[in-house]
Amino acid sequence: MTGIILRFSIENDEVSSGLSSLAQRLDDATGFYRSVGENLKNSTRDRFDSEESPEGIPWKKLLPSTIRAREKSGKTPIKILRASDNTGLAYGINYRADNKEVSVGSMKPYAAIHQLGGIIKKPARTALQEKSTKRFVKASKAKDPQSISIPAHTVNIPARPFLGISSPDEERIINITRDWLNG
């Protein structure tokens, strides 16, 4: 027995035009990925205000010592991962889109440890401390400095995930996709 072939073609100008337009959009999806990237960038930045993961899990609270240090230095209001509003991790969230994909993230060197958590190992060191104020200062600014030894220690950074796609993000991406495919 020999094979069989079924041929199919569209003879409708409106359908042909629509398929042609769709094919052109599929050839360059950069605009689609930019829309998705902008949406994900904004929702990621919003997580710094809500202080929760993409799954809606609240971030671990700041330690009392961290809160005291921020209050002492005037960094208020006290927000998790937000020592300042116009610089730092939240401000550094951005995206890169091309014809094939979009990536959202931060180039800040400390972004990964806050996303994933981890342990920072601090080596032993010496520092100058101003005798009268018990504050650490630069050697050039110290008045009556005292050299002190700081032993090696570790700092545990809890995971506070900010990158990811939430359920509302998924819904928005589906809507962006529909709008983009419909032209």
Protein backbone atom coordinates (compact mmCIF):
# COMPACT_ATOMS: atom_id res chain seq x y z
CA MET A 1 0.00 0.00 0.00
CA THR A 2 1.29 3.44 -0.86
CA GLY A 3 1.12 6.54 1.36
CA ILE A 4 -1.49 9.21 1.41
CA ILE A 5 -1.13 12.99 1.57
CA LEU A 6 -3.74 15.50 2.60
CA ARG A 7 -3.04 19.05 1.49
CA PHE A 8 -4.58 22.02 3.23
CA SER A 9 -4.47 25.65 2.19
CA ILE A 10 -6.33 28.76 3.21
CA GLU A 11 -8.12 30.63 0.47
CA ASN A 12 -9.59 33.32 2.73
CA ASP A 13 -7.83 36.70 2.54
CA GLU A 14 -8.82 37.74 6.07
CA VAL A 15 -7.50 34.52 7.65
CA SER A 16 -4.35 34.62 5.50
CA SER A 17 -3.71 38.23 6.53
CA GLY A 18 -4.21 37.37 10.22
CA LEU A 19 -1.84 34.40 10.03
CA SER A 20 0.73 36.49 8.16
CA SER A 21 0.52 39.20 10.83
CA LEU A 22 0.90 36.60 13.59
CA ALA A 23 3.91 35.06 11.85
CA GLN A 24 5.58 38.50 11.68
CA ARG A 25 5.00 39.06 15.42
CA LEU A 26 6.40 35.60 16.18
CA ASP A 27 9.52 36.45 14.16
CA ASP A 28 10.33 39.27 16.60
CA ALA A 29 8.95 38.72 20.10
CA THR A 30 11.12 41.43 21.69
CA GLY A 31 8.12 43.67 22.41
CA PHE A 32 6.31 40.80 24.11
CA TYR A 33 9.31 39.98 26.29
CA ARG A 34 9.77 43.67 27.16
CA SER A 35 6.16 43.83 28.38
CA VAL A 36 6.65 40.70 30.48
CA GLY A 37 9.97 42.05 31.81
CA GLU A 38 8.49 45.41 32.81
CA ASN A 39 5.64 43.63 34.59
CA LEU A 40 7.98 41.27 36.47
CA LYS A 41 10.35 44.12 37.39
CA ASN A 42 7.48 46.08 38.92
CA SER A 43 6.02 43.11 40.82
CA THR A 44 9.50 42.22 42.13
CA ARG A 45 10.01 45.78 43.37
CA ASP A 46 6.55 45.63 45.00
CA ARG A 47 7.71 42.63 47.04
CA PHE A 48 10.14 44.90 48.88
CA ASP A 49 7.12 46.86 50.13
CA SER A 50 5.04 43.78 51.03
CA GLU A 51 8.15 42.01 52.43
CA GLU A 52 7.12 38.61 51.14
CA SER A 53 8.22 35.96 48.66
CA PRO A 54 6.52 35.41 45.28
CA GLU A 55 4.54 32.64 47.01
CA GLY A 56 3.25 35.14 49.59
CA ILE A 57 5.40 33.86 52.48
CA PRO A 58 6.49 36.73 54.78
CA TRP A 59 10.23 37.36 55.02
CA LYS A 60 11.99 36.64 58.29
CA LYS A 61 11.87 39.70 60.55
CA LEU A 62 14.99 41.79 61.20
CA LEU A 63 17.01 41.03 64.31
CA PRO A 64 16.58 43.50 67.19
CA SER A 65 20.28 44.41 66.85
CA THR A 66 19.75 45.35 63.17
CA ILE A 67 16.75 47.50 64.08
CA ARG A 68 18.74 49.27 66.82
CA ALA A 69 21.66 49.91 64.45
CA ARG A 70 19.36 51.38 61.80
CA GLU A 71 17.55 53.56 64.34
CA LYS A 72 20.89 54.78 65.67
CA SER A 73 22.08 55.72 62.18
CA GLY A 74 18.76 57.39 61.28
CA LYS A 75 17.74 54.84 58.62
CA THR A 76 14.03 54.93 59.27
CA PRO A 77 11.41 53.72 58.62
CA ILE A 78 12.83 50.27 59.30
CA LYS A 79 12.13 48.00 56.31
CA ILE A 80 13.55 44.58 55.49
CA LEU A 81 16.16 44.74 52.68
CA ARG A 82 15.51 48.49 52.37
CA ALA A 83 18.11 50.49 54.28
CA SER A 84 17.50 53.28 51.75
CA ASP A 85 14.72 53.90 49.25
CA ASN A 86 16.61 55.13 46.20
CA THR A 87 19.62 52.82 46.13
CA GLY A 88 20.30 49.24 47.01
CA LEU A 89 18.67 45.98 46.16
CA ALA A 90 15.08 47.03 45.43
CA TYR A 91 16.21 49.93 43.25
CA GLY A 92 18.63 47.65 41.39
CA ILE A 93 15.99 45.23 40.07
CA ASN A 94 15.91 45.32 36.29
CA TYR A 95 15.27 43.15 33.26
CA ARG A 96 16.84 42.33 29.91
CA ALA A 97 14.64 41.30 26.99
CA ASP A 98 15.48 40.11 23.51
CA ASN A 99 13.69 38.18 20.76
CA LYS A 100 13.85 34.85 22.62
CA GLU A 101 13.58 35.51 26.37
CA VAL A 102 13.45 37.91 29.28
CA SER A 103 15.55 37.76 32.45
CA VAL A 104 14.81 39.67 35.64
CA GLY A 105 17.32 40.17 38.43
CA SER A 106 19.89 42.35 40.10
CA MET A 107 23.57 42.92 39.43
CA LYS A 108 24.15 43.84 43.08
CA PRO A 109 26.85 41.52 44.48
CA TYR A 110 24.80 40.81 47.60
CA ALA A 111 21.54 39.97 45.77
CA ALA A 112 22.11 36.20 45.68
CA ILE A 113 22.72 35.81 49.41
CA HIS A 114 19.51 37.68 50.22
CA GLN A 115 17.53 35.63 47.67
CA LEU A 116 18.96 32.25 48.71
CA GLY A 117 20.28 32.85 52.24
CA GLY A 118 23.72 31.82 53.40
CA ILE A 119 26.57 32.25 55.82
CA ILE A 120 29.19 34.99 55.60
CA LYS A 121 32.51 34.08 57.23
CA LYS A 122 34.22 37.17 58.66
CA PRO A 123 37.95 36.79 59.35
CA ALA A 124 39.58 38.10 62.52
CA ARG A 125 40.67 41.72 62.21
CA THR A 126 41.71 44.78 64.14
CA ALA A 127 39.90 48.09 64.13
CA LEU A 128 40.29 51.52 65.64
CA GLN A 129 37.66 52.57 68.14
CA GLU A 130 37.24 56.08 69.46
CA LYS A 131 37.58 55.84 73.25
CA SER A 132 35.08 58.54 74.10
CA THR A 133 32.20 57.41 71.85
CA LYS A 134 32.85 53.67 71.48
CA ARG A 135 32.21 54.06 67.75
CA PHE A 136 34.37 52.63 64.98
CA VAL A 137 35.84 55.39 62.83
CA LYS A 138 38.44 55.85 60.12
CA ALA A 139 41.96 56.15 61.46
CA SER A 140 42.26 59.67 60.03
CA LYS A 141 39.14 60.83 61.92
CA ALA A 142 39.75 59.09 65.26
CA LYS A 143 40.39 61.20 68.33
CA ASP A 144 42.35 59.26 70.93
CA PRO A 145 41.85 55.92 69.12
CA GLN A 146 42.20 52.52 70.69
CA SER A 147 43.08 49.43 68.64
CA ILE A 148 40.79 46.49 69.34
CA SER A 149 40.67 42.93 68.01
CA ILE A 150 37.52 41.55 66.46
CA PRO A 151 37.51 37.74 66.43
CA ALA A 152 36.55 35.66 63.41
CA HIS A 153 32.83 35.04 63.28
CA THR A 154 29.97 34.11 60.96
CA VAL A 155 26.87 36.04 59.98
CA ASN A 156 23.77 34.04 59.05
CA ILE A 157 21.68 35.70 56.34
CA PRO A 158 18.18 34.22 56.08
CA ALA A 159 16.69 33.63 52.63
CA ARG A 160 14.29 36.42 51.71
CA PRO A 161 13.22 35.49 48.18
CA PHE A 162 12.20 38.44 46.04
CA LEU A 163 12.73 37.00 42.53
CA GLY A 164 10.18 34.63 41.08
CA ILE A 165 6.79 34.47 39.45
CA SER A 166 3.71 34.72 41.65
CA SER A 167 0.20 33.54 40.76
CA PRO A 168 -0.87 37.13 39.90
CA ASP A 169 2.29 37.42 37.75
CA GLU A 170 1.26 34.28 35.85
CA GLU A 171 -2.20 35.73 35.20
CA ARG A 172 -0.72 39.01 33.94
CA ILE A 173 1.71 37.13 31.67
CA ILE A 174 -1.20 35.15 30.21
CA ASN A 175 -3.08 38.41 29.55
CA ILE A 176 0.04 40.01 28.01
CA THR A 177 0.40 36.93 25.79
CA ARG A 178 -3.24 37.08 24.69
CA ASP A 179 -3.03 40.79 23.92
CA TRP A 180 0.22 40.35 22.02
CA LEU A 181 -1.04 37.41 19.94
CA ASN A 182 -4.25 39.28 19.12
CA GLY A 183 -2.22 42.22 17.90
